[in-house]
Amino acid sequence: MAELSGAEESRTHVPAELLRAIEKPGGFSLLLKGRPGVGKTSLALELLRAVGGEGIYLSTRVSPKALYTHFPWLEECIEPINIIDTSKIYVPTDYTVYTSAMTGTMTFPEVLARRISEMGEGVTVVIDSWDAIKLQCEPVEMARLEALVTELVRERNINLILTGETMDVTTLDYLVDGIVVFNDIMIEYRRVREIYMSKLRRTRIDQPKYPFTLLDGRFQIFNPFGIKSIPPTGPTKVKPIPDKGNFVSSGSEDLDKILGGGFRRGSFNVFEVGDDISGWGYQAIVGVTFINAIQNDHPVVALPCCGRNEARWRKVLGPFVDEDKYRKNLTVFEIHPEGAEPRENMVPLKGNSIKDDLRTIREHKISKESPVIGFIGADMLEFPYRLKEIGELSTGIKEISVNIETTKERGNVDIVRVTPNLAIRDELVDMASKYLKLTTLDRTVVLYGIKPETWIYNVDTVFVDGSPTLKLTPYV
C-alpha cells in the first residue's frame, strides 16, 4: 500500500462529516464536549492536521514542549510560535479598546477576540479548553465574548475548535456551528469510546456515532464494517504465516497474539457471534484462518453454518489460495436429506443421526495428516438434528465430546461458531479451550475474549498486495 502523507493519514482518522463541515466556505465553529482525558484534544489536533493550512493552538493547560512530546507529528502542521500557553499571557495596553479598566492590561478573552479579528482566512484555531477561559470572565462578559468570537469566525472565514468539559446545554451550544459529544460505553465490563455528532450546520450527518481509539496517542475512528472489494490489480495468493511450536497460526498476526501464539494443537475453540452481527464480520476472522491453513497444506474439514456450502466457500476462499491446494486440503460436509452425489471438495450427509454424521466427519479427519483444522457451525447441529427435542441435546453433547477427545489426542484444532440463542451454546462454551465473542458497535464489528479475558478489538479487513489481512485494533 502507498504511504499516506500526514494530512491524508489524519483524514482517515476523523469522520468524513466533520471534514465536510469544516471545509465548507464561510468558517466553522466546533465544540468538543466530554470529561477530562476522553480524547477531545487528540481529535482537535487530528482535525487541525487533516484540514491543513495555518494552525494555531491556544492551551490553558499544556505547554508547547509537552504538546510536541505527546504529539510529535504536530511539528509538521503547527509552528512553535503558534502554540500559545495562555497561562503565561501578559499583554501591555497597546489597544485601549481591549484594555481592562481595572488593571490596564488586556485579559485573555480580549486578546483572543483581537487575535481572531486580525487572522487571515483559512486559519484553524484550537482553544483548549473553553471552560478554563470562562474562569477569567464574568458571566455577562463571557456571553458577549462567545457571541463575538463565533461571529468573527464567519466574518474572517476561520475554523475555530473549542474543547469543554461542561456537559449541560449552554448558550455556546446554540452559537457554535457544530457539537461533538464524547461518551464511554461498557461492553461486559470493558470500556469502549464513541463520539456523537449532535449538530453540524449545513452538513448531512450520514452516521451520527463513531467508535474510536486513542492507540499510540492518536485519535482514530472506526468506520462501519463492510465487504472490501478486491483491488483493481486483482487478487493474489496468500503467503501463509507459518506455525510456531505447538500452535497453528490463525492467519492473522493480530489474532495470534490475542490467542497467545495461535490456536493450540488439541484445542476446542468457540466463537460466539451476536444475533445483531452480519455473517461477513465472522467470516473475516475464520476466512483468513482457512486460507492460511490451506496454503500451509493443513487439511480443513468443515460443516458450515446454515445457508453456507462448498460453492460459497470456493467463491470466498478460492481467489486467495492455490487451486491444487484447495482441491487437496478442503473438505466441506453438507446435509442433503434426500441424498446427493459427492463432488469435488464436498461430501453429503443424510442429516438423520447426529451420531452417524459426526462419526463420518471424525473418521474423515482421522484419515488426514495432523494438524487438521475442523470447523462446525453449531446451528447446523441444532436444527437439522432437532437437538431441542427431549433427549436429543444430551445425545448431541455426548457425540461432540467424542469429537473433542479425538481432536485432543491427534493434536488437531476445532473451531465452532455459536449464537446466543442456541440450546447447545452453554455446553459448547463450557468445553471450550478458547472462548471469544463478536458483537457490533455503531455498525462496526468488535471482538473480545472471555477465555482468555482480553481487551475489546475493532475488527476490519484490509488488502495488502492483493491479499486480505485481518486487522484487530484495540480500544484504548
Protein backbone atom coordinates (compact mmCIF):
# COMPACT_ATOMS: atom_id res chain seq x y z
CA MET A 1 0.00 0.00 0.00
CA ALA A 2 1.17 3.52 -0.83
CA GLU A 3 2.29 5.54 2.20
CA LEU A 4 -0.05 8.41 3.06
CA SER A 5 1.09 11.95 3.81
CA GLY A 6 0.45 13.36 7.27
CA ALA A 7 -2.71 15.23 6.27
CA GLU A 8 -4.01 12.29 4.23
CA GLU A 9 -3.46 9.94 7.14
CA SER A 10 -5.30 12.25 9.52
CA ARG A 11 -8.24 12.45 7.11
CA THR A 12 -8.70 8.69 7.55
CA HIS A 13 -8.73 9.14 11.35
CA VAL A 14 -11.70 11.52 11.62
CA PRO A 15 -15.35 11.36 10.46
CA ALA A 16 -15.96 12.45 6.89
CA GLU A 17 -18.91 14.52 8.10
CA LEU A 18 -16.62 16.72 10.22
CA LEU A 19 -14.28 17.32 7.30
CA ARG A 20 -17.15 18.26 5.00
CA ALA A 21 -18.48 20.71 7.59
CA ILE A 22 -15.16 22.39 8.38
CA GLU A 23 -14.03 22.68 4.77
CA LYS A 24 -17.11 24.49 3.55
CA PRO A 25 -16.50 28.21 2.85
CA GLY A 26 -17.60 30.71 5.44
CA GLY A 27 -15.77 29.47 8.52
CA PHE A 28 -16.91 26.90 11.05
CA SER A 29 -17.02 26.77 14.85
CA LEU A 30 -16.95 23.34 16.52
CA LEU A 31 -17.43 22.48 20.19
CA LEU A 32 -15.99 19.20 21.52
CA LYS A 33 -17.66 18.20 24.81
CA GLY A 34 -16.55 15.49 27.24
CA ARG A 35 -14.97 14.76 30.56
CA PRO A 36 -11.20 15.31 31.02
CA GLY A 37 -8.95 12.74 29.36
CA VAL A 38 -11.57 11.36 26.99
CA GLY A 39 -9.77 12.41 23.77
CA LYS A 40 -11.02 15.90 22.92
CA THR A 41 -7.54 17.36 22.43
CA SER A 42 -6.50 14.41 20.26
CA LEU A 43 -9.49 14.89 17.94
CA ALA A 44 -8.97 18.66 17.78
CA LEU A 45 -5.32 18.26 16.73
CA GLU A 46 -6.15 15.46 14.29
CA LEU A 47 -8.69 17.75 12.63
CA LEU A 48 -6.18 20.59 12.52
CA ARG A 49 -3.69 18.33 10.74
CA ALA A 50 -6.32 16.93 8.36
CA VAL A 51 -7.62 20.35 7.26
CA GLY A 52 -4.13 21.70 6.60
CA GLY A 53 -3.21 25.35 6.24
CA GLU A 54 -2.06 27.51 9.13
CA GLY A 55 -2.88 26.21 12.58
CA ILE A 56 -2.86 27.94 15.97
CA TYR A 57 -3.20 26.08 19.27
CA LEU A 58 -4.04 28.01 22.44
CA SER A 59 -3.79 25.93 25.59
CA THR A 60 -4.79 26.69 29.15
CA ARG A 61 -3.06 23.58 30.50
CA VAL A 62 -0.38 22.16 28.17
CA SER A 63 2.95 23.82 27.43
CA PRO A 64 4.32 23.82 23.87
CA LYS A 65 7.12 21.47 24.94
CA ALA A 66 4.68 18.99 26.46
CA LEU A 67 2.43 19.20 23.41
CA TYR A 68 5.25 18.29 21.00
CA THR A 69 6.29 15.48 23.34
CA HIS A 70 2.80 13.97 23.33
CA PHE A 71 2.08 14.72 19.65
CA PRO A 72 5.44 14.79 17.80
CA TRP A 73 3.71 14.77 14.41
CA LEU A 74 2.32 18.28 15.17
CA GLU A 75 5.63 19.86 14.14
CA GLU A 76 4.61 19.48 10.51
CA CYS A 77 1.38 21.47 10.91
CA ILE A 78 1.88 23.96 13.77
CA GLU A 79 4.93 26.18 14.08
CA PRO A 80 6.19 26.63 17.66
CA ILE A 81 5.27 30.31 17.53
CA ASN A 82 1.62 29.33 17.03
CA ILE A 83 1.46 27.14 20.15
CA ILE A 84 0.48 29.56 22.88
CA ASP A 85 0.46 28.79 26.58
CA THR A 86 -2.33 31.12 27.65
CA SER A 87 -1.42 30.88 31.32
CA LYS A 88 1.65 32.99 30.53
CA ILE A 89 -0.02 35.72 28.52
CA TYR A 90 0.68 39.24 29.74
CA VAL A 91 -0.22 41.90 27.21
CA PRO A 92 0.62 45.61 27.57
CA THR A 93 -2.14 48.13 26.96
CA ASP A 94 -1.38 48.85 23.33
CA TYR A 95 -5.06 48.77 22.37
CA THR A 96 -7.25 50.79 24.70
CA VAL A 97 -10.44 49.37 23.27
CA TYR A 98 -9.42 45.97 24.63
CA THR A 99 -7.97 47.26 27.90
CA SER A 100 -9.41 46.35 31.28
CA ALA A 101 -10.37 49.49 33.17
CA MET A 102 -9.26 47.90 36.43
CA THR A 103 -5.81 46.58 35.50
CA GLY A 104 -4.75 48.47 32.42
CA THR A 105 -3.87 45.17 30.67
CA MET A 106 -5.79 43.04 28.24
CA THR A 107 -7.42 39.92 29.62
CA PHE A 108 -7.05 36.71 27.66
CA PRO A 109 -10.64 36.92 26.30
CA GLU A 110 -9.79 40.37 24.99
CA VAL A 111 -6.56 39.08 23.45
CA LEU A 112 -8.44 36.22 21.85
CA ALA A 113 -11.03 38.47 20.25
CA ARG A 114 -8.31 40.70 18.80
CA ARG A 115 -6.21 37.78 17.55
CA ILE A 116 -9.16 36.30 15.70
CA SER A 117 -10.10 39.65 14.17
CA GLU A 118 -6.54 40.01 12.79
CA MET A 119 -6.18 36.48 11.36
CA GLY A 120 -6.13 35.75 7.68
CA GLU A 121 -8.64 33.45 6.03
CA GLY A 122 -8.30 29.68 6.23
CA VAL A 123 -6.65 29.55 9.66
CA THR A 124 -7.71 26.80 12.07
CA VAL A 125 -7.65 27.80 15.73
CA VAL A 126 -7.87 25.29 18.59
CA ILE A 127 -8.70 26.61 22.07
CA ASP A 128 -8.17 24.01 24.78
CA SER A 129 -10.19 24.48 26.92
CA TRP A 130 -13.03 26.98 26.72
CA ASP A 131 -14.18 26.20 30.26
CA ALA A 132 -10.83 27.42 31.58
CA ILE A 133 -11.32 30.66 29.63
CA LYS A 134 -14.62 31.15 31.42
CA LEU A 135 -12.81 31.37 34.73
CA GLN A 136 -11.23 34.62 33.54
CA CYS A 137 -14.56 36.28 32.77
CA GLU A 138 -17.71 37.41 34.43
CA PRO A 139 -20.82 35.65 33.05
CA VAL A 140 -22.05 38.73 31.19
CA GLU A 141 -18.62 39.36 29.68
CA MET A 142 -18.34 35.71 28.67
CA ALA A 143 -21.69 35.73 26.91
CA ARG A 144 -20.60 38.74 24.86
CA LEU A 145 -17.26 37.09 24.06
CA GLU A 146 -18.90 33.86 22.86
CA ALA A 147 -21.20 35.78 20.55
CA LEU A 148 -18.31 37.93 19.28
CA VAL A 149 -15.95 35.04 18.65
CA THR A 150 -18.47 32.88 16.76
CA GLU A 151 -19.43 35.87 14.62
CA LEU A 152 -15.78 36.71 13.86
CA VAL A 153 -15.26 33.13 12.70
CA ARG A 154 -17.85 33.62 9.97
CA GLU A 155 -16.61 37.07 9.02
CA ARG A 156 -12.95 36.01 8.75
CA ASN A 157 -13.60 32.53 7.25
CA ILE A 158 -11.75 30.92 10.17
CA ASN A 159 -12.18 27.45 11.65
CA LEU A 160 -12.50 27.51 15.43
CA ILE A 161 -12.36 24.32 17.51
CA LEU A 162 -13.22 24.62 21.20
CA THR A 163 -12.96 21.92 23.86
CA GLY A 164 -15.04 21.90 27.02
CA GLU A 165 -15.93 19.71 29.98
CA THR A 166 -19.40 21.17 30.63
CA MET A 167 -21.94 18.56 29.53
CA ASP A 168 -25.01 20.72 30.21
CA VAL A 169 -26.56 22.72 27.37
CA THR A 170 -25.30 26.32 27.48
CA THR A 171 -25.63 29.43 25.35
CA LEU A 172 -22.49 28.41 23.49
CA ASP A 173 -24.23 25.27 22.21
CA TYR A 174 -26.65 27.45 20.28
CA LEU A 175 -23.95 29.77 18.92
CA VAL A 176 -21.46 27.24 17.50
CA ASP A 177 -21.96 25.53 14.16
CA GLY A 178 -21.17 22.02 15.35
CA ILE A 179 -21.16 19.93 18.53
CA VAL A 180 -19.41 16.60 19.14
CA VAL A 181 -20.04 14.78 22.42
CA PHE A 182 -17.65 12.13 23.79
CA ASN A 183 -19.10 9.05 25.52
CA ASP A 184 -17.84 5.92 27.26
CA ILE A 185 -19.70 2.63 26.70
CA MET A 186 -19.28 -0.58 28.68
CA ILE A 187 -19.43 -4.00 27.00
CA GLU A 188 -19.22 -6.74 29.62
CA TYR A 189 -17.11 -4.51 31.91
CA ARG A 190 -14.84 -3.45 29.05
CA ARG A 191 -14.71 0.21 28.11
CA VAL A 192 -15.03 1.47 24.57
CA ARG A 193 -15.27 5.07 23.39
CA GLU A 194 -17.52 6.80 20.89
CA ILE A 195 -18.30 10.29 19.63
CA TYR A 196 -21.78 11.60 18.90
CA MET A 197 -22.18 14.40 16.37
CA SER A 198 -25.31 16.08 17.69
CA LYS A 199 -25.12 19.13 15.43
CA LEU A 200 -23.39 20.10 12.18
CA ARG A 201 -24.87 23.10 10.41
CA ARG A 202 -25.11 22.88 6.62
CA THR A 203 -23.87 19.28 6.65
CA ARG A 204 -25.74 15.99 6.31
CA ILE A 205 -24.82 13.54 9.09
CA ASP A 206 -24.75 10.11 7.49
CA GLN A 207 -23.71 8.37 10.71
CA PRO A 208 -24.12 10.31 13.97
CA LYS A 209 -21.98 7.96 16.11
CA TYR A 210 -18.46 6.64 15.57
CA PRO A 211 -16.44 4.45 17.94
CA PHE A 212 -12.78 5.42 18.26
CA THR A 213 -9.47 4.53 19.88
CA LEU A 214 -6.57 6.56 21.24
CA LEU A 215 -3.98 3.91 20.41
CA ASP A 216 -0.43 5.33 20.47
CA GLY A 217 -1.85 8.73 21.42
CA ARG A 218 -3.66 9.14 18.09
CA PHE A 219 -7.37 9.72 17.65
CA GLN A 220 -8.76 7.22 15.14
CA ILE A 221 -12.39 6.44 14.36
CA PHE A 222 -13.58 3.02 13.25
CA ASN A 223 -15.73 3.07 10.13
CA PRO A 224 -18.65 0.67 9.62
CA PHE A 225 -17.62 -2.87 8.79
CA GLY A 226 -18.19 -3.73 5.16
CA ILE A 227 -17.11 -6.10 2.45
CA LYS A 228 -13.89 -4.89 0.87
CA SER A 229 -13.61 -5.05 -2.89
CA ILE A 230 -10.73 -6.92 -4.43
CA PRO A 231 -8.18 -4.36 -5.68
CA PRO A 232 -8.27 -3.45 -9.40
CA THR A 233 -4.93 -5.20 -9.81
CA GLY A 234 -6.68 -8.44 -8.89
CA PRO A 235 -6.31 -10.94 -6.04
CA THR A 236 -3.01 -12.58 -5.15
CA LYS A 237 -2.38 -15.87 -3.43
CA VAL A 238 -1.75 -15.53 0.28
CA LYS A 239 1.75 -16.08 1.60
CA PRO A 240 0.87 -18.03 4.74
CA ILE A 241 2.02 -17.29 8.26
CA PRO A 242 3.99 -20.35 9.46
CA ASP A 243 3.02 -22.25 12.58
CA LYS A 244 5.16 -21.81 15.67
CA GLY A 245 5.82 -24.58 18.16
CA ASN A 246 2.63 -26.19 19.38
CA PHE A 247 0.41 -23.55 17.77
CA VAL A 248 -1.37 -23.40 14.42
CA SER A 249 -1.47 -19.86 13.06
CA SER A 250 -4.87 -18.21 12.74
CA GLY A 251 -3.67 -16.48 9.58
CA SER A 252 -3.56 -13.14 11.41
CA GLU A 253 -0.61 -11.88 13.41
CA ASP A 254 -3.02 -9.77 15.47
CA LEU A 255 -5.27 -12.72 16.33
CA ASP A 256 -2.28 -14.98 17.01
CA LYS A 257 -1.15 -12.52 19.70
CA ILE A 258 -4.59 -12.49 21.31
CA LEU A 259 -4.64 -16.30 21.32
CA GLY A 260 -1.21 -16.48 22.90
CA GLY A 261 0.58 -17.68 19.76
CA GLY A 262 -2.24 -19.06 17.63
CA PHE A 263 -4.67 -21.98 18.01
CA ARG A 264 -3.06 -24.53 20.32
CA ARG A 265 -2.92 -28.00 18.86
CA GLY A 266 -5.51 -30.22 20.54
CA SER A 267 -7.79 -27.25 21.31
CA PHE A 268 -11.54 -26.69 21.02
CA ASN A 269 -12.23 -23.03 20.23
CA VAL A 270 -15.63 -21.34 20.39
CA PHE A 271 -16.58 -18.06 18.69
CA GLU A 272 -19.90 -16.63 19.80
CA VAL A 273 -21.45 -14.37 17.19
CA GLY A 274 -24.16 -11.94 18.31
CA ASP A 275 -27.53 -12.06 16.60
CA ASP A 276 -27.01 -8.45 15.51
CA ILE A 277 -23.85 -9.18 13.54
CA SER A 278 -23.66 -9.90 9.84
CA GLY A 279 -22.11 -13.13 8.66
CA TRP A 280 -19.32 -11.19 6.99
CA GLY A 281 -17.86 -9.96 10.27
CA TYR A 282 -17.37 -13.50 11.49
CA GLN A 283 -16.20 -14.79 8.13
CA ALA A 284 -13.49 -12.15 8.09
CA ILE A 285 -11.93 -13.96 11.05
CA VAL A 286 -12.38 -17.62 10.12
CA GLY A 287 -11.79 -16.86 6.44
CA VAL A 288 -8.17 -15.84 6.97
CA THR A 289 -7.72 -18.92 9.19
CA PHE A 290 -8.95 -21.29 6.48
CA ILE A 291 -6.92 -19.55 3.77
CA ASN A 292 -3.77 -19.72 5.86
CA ALA A 293 -4.33 -23.39 6.73
CA ILE A 294 -4.94 -24.38 3.11
CA GLN A 295 -1.82 -22.54 1.97
CA ASN A 296 0.16 -24.23 4.78
CA ASP A 297 -1.05 -27.62 3.46
CA HIS A 298 -3.18 -28.30 6.55
CA PRO A 299 -6.43 -30.20 5.89
CA VAL A 300 -9.59 -28.17 6.58
CA VAL A 301 -12.72 -30.20 7.32
CA ALA A 302 -15.94 -28.24 7.76
CA LEU A 303 -19.67 -28.49 8.40
CA PRO A 304 -20.64 -24.90 7.53
CA CYS A 305 -23.32 -22.75 9.12
CA CYS A 306 -26.86 -22.75 7.77
CA GLY A 307 -27.01 -21.22 4.31
CA ARG A 308 -23.34 -21.89 3.55
CA ASN A 309 -21.93 -24.61 1.31
CA GLU A 310 -18.81 -25.58 -0.60
CA ALA A 311 -19.73 -23.40 -3.59
CA ARG A 312 -19.91 -20.36 -1.30
CA TRP A 313 -16.58 -21.24 0.30
CA ARG A 314 -14.93 -21.65 -3.10
CA LYS A 315 -16.12 -18.19 -4.08
CA VAL A 316 -14.76 -16.58 -0.92
CA LEU A 317 -11.52 -18.54 -0.43
CA GLY A 318 -10.66 -19.58 -3.97
CA PRO A 319 -9.14 -16.32 -5.25
CA PHE A 320 -6.51 -16.32 -2.48
CA VAL A 321 -5.32 -19.95 -2.42
CA ASP A 322 -3.57 -22.19 -4.92
CA GLU A 323 -6.11 -24.27 -6.82
CA ASP A 324 -4.25 -27.53 -6.27
CA LYS A 325 -4.05 -26.85 -2.51
CA TYR A 326 -7.75 -26.03 -2.39
CA ARG A 327 -8.67 -29.34 -4.06
CA LYS A 328 -6.25 -31.27 -1.85
CA ASN A 329 -6.85 -29.72 1.56
CA LEU A 330 -10.52 -28.65 1.82
CA THR A 331 -13.47 -30.94 2.54
CA VAL A 332 -16.92 -29.48 3.11
CA PHE A 333 -19.71 -31.66 4.51
CA GLU A 334 -23.24 -30.72 3.52
CA ILE A 335 -26.53 -32.13 4.80
CA HIS A 336 -28.68 -33.48 1.97
CA PRO A 337 -31.60 -35.45 3.49
CA GLU A 338 -32.73 -36.66 0.07
CA GLY A 339 -29.24 -37.76 -0.82
CA ALA A 340 -26.72 -36.20 -3.18
CA GLU A 341 -23.78 -37.37 -5.22
CA PRO A 342 -20.38 -36.48 -3.77
CA ARG A 343 -18.47 -33.94 -5.78
CA GLU A 344 -15.02 -32.48 -5.59
CA ASN A 345 -14.40 -30.98 -2.12
CA MET A 346 -17.97 -31.85 -0.96
CA VAL A 347 -19.22 -34.91 0.96
CA PRO A 348 -23.00 -35.29 1.59
CA LEU A 349 -24.52 -36.21 4.97
CA LYS A 350 -28.03 -37.62 5.41
CA GLY A 351 -28.88 -35.49 8.45
CA ASN A 352 -30.85 -38.26 10.16
CA SER A 353 -28.49 -39.15 13.00
CA ILE A 354 -26.04 -36.79 14.67
CA LYS A 355 -24.14 -39.83 15.95
CA ASP A 356 -23.68 -41.29 12.46
CA ASP A 357 -22.85 -38.00 10.76
CA LEU A 358 -20.33 -36.81 13.39
CA ARG A 359 -18.69 -40.21 13.20
CA THR A 360 -18.40 -39.82 9.41
CA ILE A 361 -16.74 -36.40 9.87
CA ARG A 362 -14.48 -37.76 12.61
CA GLU A 363 -13.32 -40.71 10.52
CA HIS A 364 -12.56 -38.40 7.62
CA LYS A 365 -10.42 -36.20 9.90
CA ILE A 366 -8.60 -39.26 11.25
CA SER A 367 -7.66 -40.19 7.68
CA LYS A 368 -5.86 -36.85 7.27
CA GLU A 369 -2.42 -35.86 8.49
CA SER A 370 -2.49 -33.68 11.61
CA PRO A 371 -2.99 -30.88 12.32
CA VAL A 372 -6.48 -30.87 10.82
CA ILE A 373 -8.50 -27.65 11.14
CA GLY A 374 -12.08 -28.66 11.89
CA PHE A 375 -14.99 -26.24 11.71
CA ILE A 376 -18.63 -26.64 12.68
CA GLY A 377 -21.47 -24.13 12.57
CA ALA A 378 -23.41 -25.15 15.69
CA ASP A 379 -26.73 -24.17 14.10
CA MET A 380 -26.16 -27.00 11.59
CA LEU A 381 -26.13 -29.40 14.54
CA GLU A 382 -29.06 -27.96 16.45
CA PHE A 383 -31.66 -27.52 13.73
CA PRO A 384 -31.30 -30.49 11.32
CA TYR A 385 -30.77 -32.95 14.18
CA ARG A 386 -33.57 -31.43 16.31
CA LEU A 387 -31.43 -31.05 19.43
CA LYS A 388 -34.12 -29.02 21.19
CA GLU A 389 -36.32 -32.11 21.41
CA ILE A 390 -36.34 -34.07 24.67
CA GLY A 391 -33.30 -36.32 24.98
CA GLU A 392 -31.65 -35.18 21.74
CA LEU A 393 -29.46 -32.46 23.32
CA SER A 394 -27.70 -34.90 25.63
CA THR A 395 -27.09 -37.26 22.70
CA GLY A 396 -25.59 -34.41 20.69
CA ILE A 397 -23.32 -33.28 23.53
CA LYS A 398 -22.08 -36.85 24.01
CA GLU A 399 -21.12 -37.15 20.34
CA ILE A 400 -19.47 -33.74 20.28
CA SER A 401 -17.45 -34.75 23.35
CA VAL A 402 -16.15 -37.79 21.47
CA ASN A 403 -15.05 -35.49 18.63
CA ILE A 404 -13.28 -33.20 21.08
CA GLU A 405 -11.38 -36.10 22.64
CA THR A 406 -10.22 -37.21 19.19
CA THR A 407 -9.12 -33.63 18.44
CA LYS A 408 -7.04 -33.54 21.62
CA GLU A 409 -5.48 -36.95 21.03
CA ARG A 410 -4.42 -36.16 17.46
CA GLY A 411 -3.31 -32.57 18.05
CA ASN A 412 -5.91 -31.07 15.73
CA VAL A 413 -7.74 -27.76 16.05
CA ASP A 414 -11.53 -27.42 16.25
CA ILE A 415 -13.38 -24.13 15.71
CA VAL A 416 -17.10 -23.85 16.45
CA ARG A 417 -19.45 -20.95 15.79
CA VAL A 418 -22.33 -20.46 18.23
CA THR A 419 -25.03 -17.82 18.65
CA PRO A 420 -26.58 -16.70 21.97
CA ASN A 421 -29.97 -18.40 21.47
CA LEU A 422 -28.79 -21.91 20.60
CA ALA A 423 -29.80 -24.57 23.12
CA ILE A 424 -26.39 -26.20 22.72
CA ARG A 425 -24.48 -22.96 23.37
CA ASP A 426 -23.81 -23.27 27.12
CA GLU A 427 -22.42 -26.80 26.86
CA LEU A 428 -20.11 -25.88 24.00
CA VAL A 429 -18.84 -22.81 25.84
CA ASP A 430 -18.12 -24.89 28.96
CA MET A 431 -15.98 -27.29 26.91
CA ALA A 432 -14.06 -24.53 25.09
CA SER A 433 -10.29 -24.06 25.37
CA LYS A 434 -10.72 -20.54 24.00
CA TYR A 435 -13.96 -18.58 24.02
CA LEU A 436 -14.21 -15.30 22.09
CA LYS A 437 -17.22 -13.14 21.36
CA LEU A 438 -18.14 -10.86 18.48
CA THR A 439 -20.77 -8.14 18.55
CA THR A 440 -21.49 -4.81 16.88
CA LEU A 441 -20.95 -1.21 17.94
CA ASP A 442 -22.15 1.67 15.77
CA ARG A 443 -22.13 -0.62 12.68
CA THR A 444 -18.60 -1.84 13.40
CA VAL A 445 -17.61 -5.35 14.50
CA VAL A 446 -15.80 -5.83 17.81
CA LEU A 447 -14.05 -8.90 19.23
CA TYR A 448 -13.12 -9.71 22.82
CA GLY A 449 -12.04 -12.78 24.73
CA ILE A 450 -13.75 -14.44 27.69
CA LYS A 451 -11.25 -17.32 27.82
CA PRO A 452 -8.70 -15.78 27.98
CA GLU A 453 -10.02 -12.41 29.13
CA THR A 454 -8.91 -9.68 26.70
CA TRP A 455 -9.50 -6.08 25.74
CA ILE A 456 -12.01 -5.18 23.06
CA TYR A 457 -10.70 -5.02 19.50
CA ASN A 458 -12.15 -3.49 16.37
CA VAL A 459 -12.35 -5.99 13.51
CA ASP A 460 -11.52 -4.95 9.97
CA THR A 461 -10.04 -6.40 6.82
CA VAL A 462 -7.58 -4.67 4.53
CA PHE A 463 -5.93 -5.76 1.32
CA VAL A 464 -2.14 -5.86 1.37
CA ASP A 465 -0.60 -6.52 -2.05
CA GLY A 466 -3.87 -8.05 -3.22
CA SER A 467 -4.32 -10.41 -0.25
CA PRO A 468 -6.83 -10.00 2.61
CA THR A 469 -5.38 -9.24 6.03
CA LEU A 470 -7.31 -9.27 9.30
CA LYS A 471 -6.71 -6.11 11.32
CA LEU A 472 -7.57 -6.09 15.04
CA THR A 473 -7.14 -2.69 16.70
CA PRO A 474 -7.52 -2.38 20.48
CA TYR A 475 -9.76 0.23 22.05
CA VAL A 476 -7.59 2.48 24.22
